[in-house]
Amino acid sequence: MTPWPPADPDTLAFNARLERILAGVPPPNTVPPAKTRRDREEGRGPFGPLKLLDGATTRGIPGPAGDIALRVFAPPAPTGVYLHFHGGGWTLGGPHHQDPLLWDLARACNVTVVSVDYRLAPENPYPAGPDDCEAAALWLAQNAAAEFQTDRLFLGGESAGAHLAALTLLRLRDRHGLTPFAAANLTYGIFDLSVTPSAANWGDRYFILSTPIIHWFGDQFLPPEFRRRDPAISPLYANLRGLPPAIFTVGAEDPLLDDTLFMHARWHAAGNRAELAVYPGGAHAFNVFPIPIAAAANARIHAFLNSIRP
């Protein structure tokens, strides 16, 4: 295999700017989660106010601990539904934090996007978040045709959301005998909560993530009595047979690089279609920023989902 090419000048310039921005704010593992959430909702996060779509609607569905809110938006006459799980280390974020990214996907792939407001840690640790995601996926599998006039289903997420997407596929297969999703979009996910080598060796450099931040997020999410390499917690260790085609996207400057490399290899080895896209110089969450490699990554994701035919 040939090495990845060097990062392009635009990516290098963005990375330098990103590090300058993050140098002026405390890392999330040093701030109470409730304060970080409040700051972001009020537009005081490091990247400014949230960009919300006017056309999005919110509805509730039954969940294991009360109603689960879904944020829904669609292009005209959609031909599929994309179930989305947001990132944020199972602790931060919300279904309305990535409206522009998801609206671009909705239009490019002609799908209704349904983003899940699952319960967050540490107030609601494991298994609360995965339970909500399972419930939302099960509801969609049972109701998509009536609610959205299509049963062509996709799912995906970023970072912790990719982890939740993988767990959801496994839970539907193993608990319900269901494989309703035609494809998965697993973007810079964390798939091993015991921490892969790239995450363990990254160090203290605050570049969206760091090794201490990754450990902190895991501690918020997972009570100490749970074994981190349990396949029900870390899908890297699960039996991955019979899962749908998946695209794995990650930047080469992401502490979670190994999670994607390892999970892609295991997905493929289990007999599933798996596509890997690694972007030189890409930081964690690089595809939400206005840089050329983000546009390239998102276009490749859209092309992959559009290649999945009924």
Protein backbone atom coordinates (compact mmCIF):
# COMPACT_ATOMS: atom_id res chain seq x y z
CA MET A 1 0.00 0.00 0.00
CA THR A 2 1.17 3.50 -0.79
CA PRO A 3 1.22 6.12 2.00
CA TRP A 4 -1.42 8.82 2.08
CA PRO A 5 -0.36 11.98 0.26
CA PRO A 6 0.47 15.05 2.32
CA ALA A 7 -2.30 17.37 3.41
CA ASP A 8 -3.13 20.14 0.95
CA PRO A 9 -2.40 23.81 1.80
CA ASP A 10 -6.05 24.63 2.50
CA THR A 11 -6.28 21.84 5.06
CA LEU A 12 -3.01 22.84 6.73
CA ALA A 13 -4.12 26.46 6.95
CA PHE A 14 -7.47 25.44 8.41
CA ASN A 15 -5.81 23.16 10.97
CA ALA A 16 -3.58 26.01 12.16
CA ARG A 17 -6.62 28.25 12.49
CA LEU A 18 -8.56 25.53 14.32
CA GLU A 19 -5.78 25.10 16.86
CA ARG A 20 -5.68 28.86 17.47
CA ILE A 21 -9.43 28.90 18.10
CA LEU A 22 -9.32 25.94 20.46
CA ALA A 23 -6.36 27.38 22.35
CA GLY A 24 -8.70 30.09 23.58
CA VAL A 25 -11.37 27.83 25.08
CA PRO A 26 -11.17 25.22 27.85
CA PRO A 27 -11.32 21.58 26.73
CA PRO A 28 -14.71 19.93 27.39
CA ASN A 29 -13.23 17.56 29.99
CA THR A 30 -12.48 20.59 32.20
CA VAL A 31 -16.01 22.06 32.12
CA PRO A 32 -19.29 20.66 33.51
CA PRO A 33 -21.27 19.19 30.58
CA ALA A 34 -24.34 21.27 31.44
CA LYS A 35 -22.32 24.48 31.02
CA THR A 36 -20.86 23.39 27.69
CA ARG A 37 -24.33 22.51 26.43
CA ARG A 38 -25.75 25.84 27.58
CA ASP A 39 -22.91 27.82 26.02
CA ARG A 40 -23.37 26.08 22.68
CA GLU A 41 -27.13 26.58 22.68
CA GLU A 42 -26.63 30.28 23.42
CA GLY A 43 -24.07 30.69 20.64
CA ARG A 44 -21.07 31.00 22.94
CA GLY A 45 -19.26 27.88 21.78
CA PRO A 46 -15.92 28.13 19.95
CA PHE A 47 -17.63 28.10 16.53
CA GLY A 48 -20.41 30.60 17.18
CA PRO A 49 -24.20 30.31 16.96
CA LEU A 50 -25.91 27.19 15.70
CA LYS A 51 -27.28 27.35 12.14
CA LEU A 52 -30.84 26.07 12.21
CA LEU A 53 -33.09 25.20 9.27
CA ASP A 54 -36.47 26.92 9.17
CA GLY A 55 -38.14 23.92 7.55
CA ALA A 56 -37.27 21.37 10.23
CA THR A 57 -40.05 19.93 12.37
CA THR A 58 -39.99 18.04 15.66
CA ARG A 59 -42.16 15.10 16.61
CA GLY A 60 -42.17 12.60 19.43
CA ILE A 61 -42.22 8.82 19.38
CA PRO A 62 -42.50 6.40 22.30
CA GLY A 63 -39.21 5.51 23.97
CA PRO A 64 -38.07 3.36 26.88
CA ALA A 65 -38.11 6.34 29.29
CA GLY A 66 -40.73 8.59 27.74
CA ASP A 67 -41.07 10.23 24.35
CA ILE A 68 -38.02 10.58 22.13
CA ALA A 69 -37.88 13.77 20.06
CA LEU A 70 -37.02 13.46 16.37
CA ARG A 71 -35.88 16.38 14.22
CA VAL A 72 -37.24 15.85 10.72
CA PHE A 73 -36.66 17.64 7.43
CA ALA A 74 -37.07 16.54 3.84
CA PRO A 75 -36.66 17.64 0.23
CA PRO A 76 -39.70 17.45 -2.09
CA ALA A 77 -40.82 13.87 -2.89
CA PRO A 78 -38.07 12.00 -0.99
CA THR A 79 -37.39 8.38 -1.90
CA GLY A 80 -35.76 7.24 1.35
CA VAL A 81 -35.25 8.00 5.03
CA TYR A 82 -31.92 8.60 6.74
CA LEU A 83 -31.85 7.95 10.50
CA HIS A 84 -29.17 10.11 12.09
CA PHE A 85 -27.40 9.95 15.46
CA HIS A 86 -25.42 13.06 16.39
CA GLY A 87 -21.94 13.08 17.92
CA GLY A 88 -20.65 14.72 21.08
CA GLY A 89 -19.12 11.91 23.11
CA TRP A 90 -22.57 10.66 24.24
CA THR A 91 -22.49 13.75 26.49
CA LEU A 92 -22.86 16.85 24.30
CA GLY A 93 -24.64 17.85 21.12
CA GLY A 94 -28.17 17.54 19.83
CA PRO A 95 -30.16 16.65 16.72
CA HIS A 96 -30.28 20.32 15.67
CA HIS A 97 -26.52 20.88 15.75
CA GLN A 98 -25.79 19.77 12.18
CA ASP A 99 -28.70 21.10 10.15
CA PRO A 100 -26.62 22.37 7.18
CA LEU A 101 -24.67 19.10 6.86
CA LEU A 102 -27.81 16.98 7.08
CA TRP A 103 -29.82 19.21 4.76
CA ASP A 104 -27.10 18.85 2.14
CA LEU A 105 -27.33 15.07 2.52
CA ALA A 106 -31.14 15.19 2.35
CA ARG A 107 -31.04 17.08 -0.95
CA ALA A 108 -28.12 15.15 -2.49
CA CYS A 109 -29.62 11.76 -1.67
CA ASN A 110 -33.31 12.74 -1.85
CA VAL A 111 -34.06 11.42 1.64
CA THR A 112 -36.00 12.57 4.66
CA VAL A 113 -33.58 13.05 7.55
CA VAL A 114 -34.72 11.93 11.00
CA SER A 115 -32.24 12.94 13.72
CA VAL A 116 -32.66 11.41 17.17
CA ASP A 117 -32.58 13.34 20.44
CA TYR A 118 -31.27 10.44 22.52
CA ARG A 119 -30.57 10.79 26.24
CA LEU A 120 -27.13 12.10 27.17
CA ALA A 121 -24.60 11.08 29.80
CA PRO A 122 -23.59 11.55 32.55
CA GLU A 123 -27.17 12.19 33.65
CA ASN A 124 -28.27 9.19 31.59
CA PRO A 125 -25.32 6.82 31.20
CA TYR A 126 -25.17 3.56 29.23
CA PRO A 127 -27.46 1.95 28.20
CA ALA A 128 -29.84 4.94 28.01
CA GLY A 129 -28.52 6.45 24.75
CA PRO A 130 -28.27 3.15 22.87
CA ASP A 131 -31.72 2.16 24.16
CA ASP A 132 -33.23 5.34 22.69
CA CYS A 133 -31.45 4.83 19.37
CA GLU A 134 -32.66 1.23 19.19
CA ALA A 135 -36.22 2.37 19.91
CA ALA A 136 -36.05 5.04 17.21
CA ALA A 137 -34.69 2.59 14.64
CA LEU A 138 -37.31 0.00 15.51
CA TRP A 139 -40.05 2.62 15.23
CA LEU A 140 -38.74 3.71 11.84
CA ALA A 141 -38.53 0.14 10.56
CA GLN A 142 -42.13 -0.43 11.54
CA ASN A 143 -43.58 2.93 10.48
CA ALA A 144 -41.50 4.37 7.64
CA ALA A 145 -43.89 3.33 4.88
CA ALA A 146 -46.90 4.90 6.60
CA GLU A 147 -45.09 7.98 7.93
CA PHE A 148 -42.75 8.77 5.04
CA GLN A 149 -44.17 6.78 2.10
CA THR A 150 -40.99 4.76 1.68
CA ASP A 151 -39.27 1.80 3.34
CA ARG A 152 -35.86 2.53 1.79
CA LEU A 153 -33.85 3.18 4.94
CA PHE A 154 -30.33 4.35 5.75
CA LEU A 155 -28.65 5.24 9.03
CA GLY A 156 -25.50 6.95 10.14
CA GLY A 157 -23.75 9.25 12.53
CA GLU A 158 -20.54 10.99 13.40
CA SER A 159 -18.09 10.17 16.20
CA ALA A 160 -20.19 8.83 19.11
CA GLY A 161 -23.12 8.88 16.68
CA ALA A 162 -21.33 6.39 14.42
CA HIS A 163 -20.79 4.18 17.49
CA LEU A 164 -24.53 4.37 18.25
CA ALA A 165 -25.38 3.59 14.63
CA ALA A 166 -23.23 0.44 14.70
CA LEU A 167 -24.73 -0.67 18.01
CA THR A 168 -28.21 -0.05 16.64
CA LEU A 169 -27.61 -2.30 13.64
CA LEU A 170 -26.36 -5.05 15.95
CA ARG A 171 -29.29 -4.69 18.36
CA LEU A 172 -31.88 -4.83 15.58
CA ARG A 173 -30.23 -7.93 14.13
CA ASP A 174 -29.68 -9.76 17.41
CA ARG A 175 -32.70 -8.69 19.49
CA HIS A 176 -35.36 -8.36 16.81
CA GLY A 177 -34.15 -10.41 13.83
CA LEU A 178 -34.30 -7.30 11.66
CA THR A 179 -31.94 -5.90 9.04
CA PRO A 180 -34.07 -3.03 7.67
CA PHE A 181 -31.30 -0.58 6.74
CA ALA A 182 -29.91 -0.64 3.23
CA ALA A 183 -26.62 1.09 4.13
CA ALA A 184 -24.70 2.76 6.94
CA ASN A 185 -22.68 5.98 6.95
CA LEU A 186 -20.12 5.68 9.78
CA THR A 187 -18.10 8.88 10.01
CA TYR A 188 -14.99 9.09 12.26
CA GLY A 189 -16.63 6.79 14.78
CA ILE A 190 -15.37 5.42 18.05
CA PHE A 191 -15.84 1.65 17.99
CA ASP A 192 -13.55 0.52 20.82
CA LEU A 193 -14.19 2.13 24.19
CA SER A 194 -11.06 0.51 25.61
CA VAL A 195 -9.23 2.96 23.25
CA THR A 196 -7.31 2.08 20.09
CA PRO A 197 -3.58 2.85 19.68
CA SER A 198 -4.07 6.08 17.72
CA ALA A 199 -6.34 7.43 20.47
CA ALA A 200 -4.09 6.24 23.31
CA ASN A 201 -0.96 7.69 21.69
CA TRP A 202 -2.40 11.03 20.59
CA GLY A 203 -1.59 12.79 23.85
CA ASP A 204 -2.76 16.13 25.24
CA ARG A 205 -2.91 18.07 21.97
CA TYR A 206 -6.40 19.63 21.93
CA PHE A 207 -7.51 19.25 18.33
CA ILE A 208 -11.29 18.79 18.81
CA LEU A 209 -10.30 15.63 20.71
CA SER A 210 -7.31 14.53 22.80
CA THR A 211 -6.48 11.36 24.70
CA PRO A 212 -7.73 12.82 28.03
CA ILE A 213 -10.94 14.04 26.37
CA ILE A 214 -11.59 10.61 24.83
CA HIS A 215 -11.13 8.92 28.21
CA TRP A 216 -13.34 11.54 29.87
CA PHE A 217 -16.17 11.04 27.39
CA GLY A 218 -15.97 7.28 27.94
CA ASP A 219 -16.13 7.76 31.70
CA GLN A 220 -19.24 9.95 31.37
CA PHE A 221 -20.99 7.39 29.19
CA LEU A 222 -20.01 4.08 30.74
CA PRO A 223 -20.46 3.17 34.42
CA PRO A 224 -17.36 1.46 35.85
CA GLU A 225 -19.04 -1.93 36.28
CA PHE A 226 -19.27 -2.43 32.51
CA ARG A 227 -16.49 -4.11 30.56
CA ARG A 228 -15.33 -1.78 27.79
CA ARG A 229 -14.54 -4.55 25.32
CA ASP A 230 -17.95 -6.13 25.71
CA PRO A 231 -19.33 -6.40 22.14
CA ALA A 232 -22.55 -4.79 23.38
CA ILE A 233 -20.50 -1.70 24.22
CA SER A 234 -17.61 -1.73 21.73
CA PRO A 235 -18.92 -2.94 18.36
CA LEU A 236 -15.39 -3.56 17.08
CA TYR A 237 -15.51 -6.82 19.08
CA ALA A 238 -18.96 -7.93 17.86
CA ASN A 239 -19.91 -10.51 15.26
CA LEU A 240 -20.39 -8.24 12.25
CA ARG A 241 -21.84 -10.75 9.79
CA GLY A 242 -24.98 -9.87 7.90
CA LEU A 243 -24.69 -6.10 8.23
CA PRO A 244 -25.41 -3.67 5.40
CA PRO A 245 -22.92 -1.94 3.12
CA ALA A 246 -21.10 0.84 4.95
CA ILE A 247 -18.87 3.78 4.15
CA PHE A 248 -16.22 4.66 6.73
CA THR A 249 -14.86 8.22 6.62
CA VAL A 250 -12.05 9.68 8.75
CA GLY A 251 -9.30 12.27 8.67
CA ALA A 252 -5.68 11.19 8.99
CA GLU A 253 -5.18 13.72 11.83
CA ASP A 254 -7.95 12.26 13.97
CA PRO A 255 -7.16 10.44 17.22
CA LEU A 256 -9.92 8.00 16.24
CA LEU A 257 -8.20 7.04 12.99
CA ASP A 258 -7.52 3.47 14.15
CA ASP A 259 -11.16 2.98 15.14
CA THR A 260 -12.18 3.54 11.54
CA LEU A 261 -9.31 1.51 10.06
CA PHE A 262 -9.98 -1.45 12.34
CA MET A 263 -13.77 -1.35 12.00
CA HIS A 264 -13.61 -1.09 8.23
CA ALA A 265 -11.32 -4.12 8.11
CA ARG A 266 -13.58 -6.17 10.39
CA TRP A 267 -16.72 -5.12 8.48
CA HIS A 268 -15.13 -6.23 5.23
CA ALA A 269 -13.75 -9.46 6.73
CA ALA A 270 -17.25 -10.34 7.94
CA GLY A 271 -18.40 -10.46 4.33
CA ASN A 272 -20.06 -7.06 4.13
CA ARG A 273 -19.45 -4.37 1.53
CA ALA A 274 -17.23 -1.71 3.09
CA GLU A 275 -15.74 1.45 1.63
CA LEU A 276 -12.93 3.36 3.35
CA ALA A 277 -12.17 7.04 2.81
CA VAL A 278 -9.21 8.60 4.66
CA TYR A 279 -8.51 12.32 4.13
CA PRO A 280 -4.93 13.57 4.62
CA GLY A 281 -4.70 16.24 7.29
CA GLY A 282 -8.35 15.87 8.27
CA ALA A 283 -9.06 16.64 11.93
CA HIS A 284 -11.86 15.09 13.92
CA ALA A 285 -15.17 16.48 12.58
CA PHE A 286 -13.37 17.98 9.55
CA ASN A 287 -16.33 17.43 7.23
CA VAL A 288 -18.52 20.03 8.97
CA PHE A 289 -16.14 22.88 8.11
CA PRO A 290 -15.93 24.90 4.86
CA ILE A 291 -12.76 23.35 3.43
CA PRO A 292 -12.20 21.42 0.19
CA ILE A 293 -11.61 18.02 1.81
CA ALA A 294 -14.95 18.39 3.62
CA ALA A 295 -16.75 18.94 0.33
CA ALA A 296 -14.94 15.95 -1.16
CA ALA A 297 -15.76 13.71 1.81
CA ASN A 298 -19.42 14.66 1.86
CA ALA A 299 -19.75 14.21 -1.90
CA ARG A 300 -18.28 10.72 -1.61
CA ILE A 301 -20.72 9.85 1.19
CA HIS A 302 -23.62 11.06 -0.95
CA ALA A 303 -22.37 9.05 -3.94
CA PHE A 304 -22.07 5.92 -1.80
CA LEU A 305 -25.62 6.23 -0.45
CA ASN A 306 -26.95 6.94 -3.93
CA SER A 307 -25.24 3.80 -5.21
CA ILE A 308 -27.44 1.64 -2.95
CA ARG A 309 -30.44 0.56 -4.98
CA PRO A 310 -33.66 -1.00 -3.68
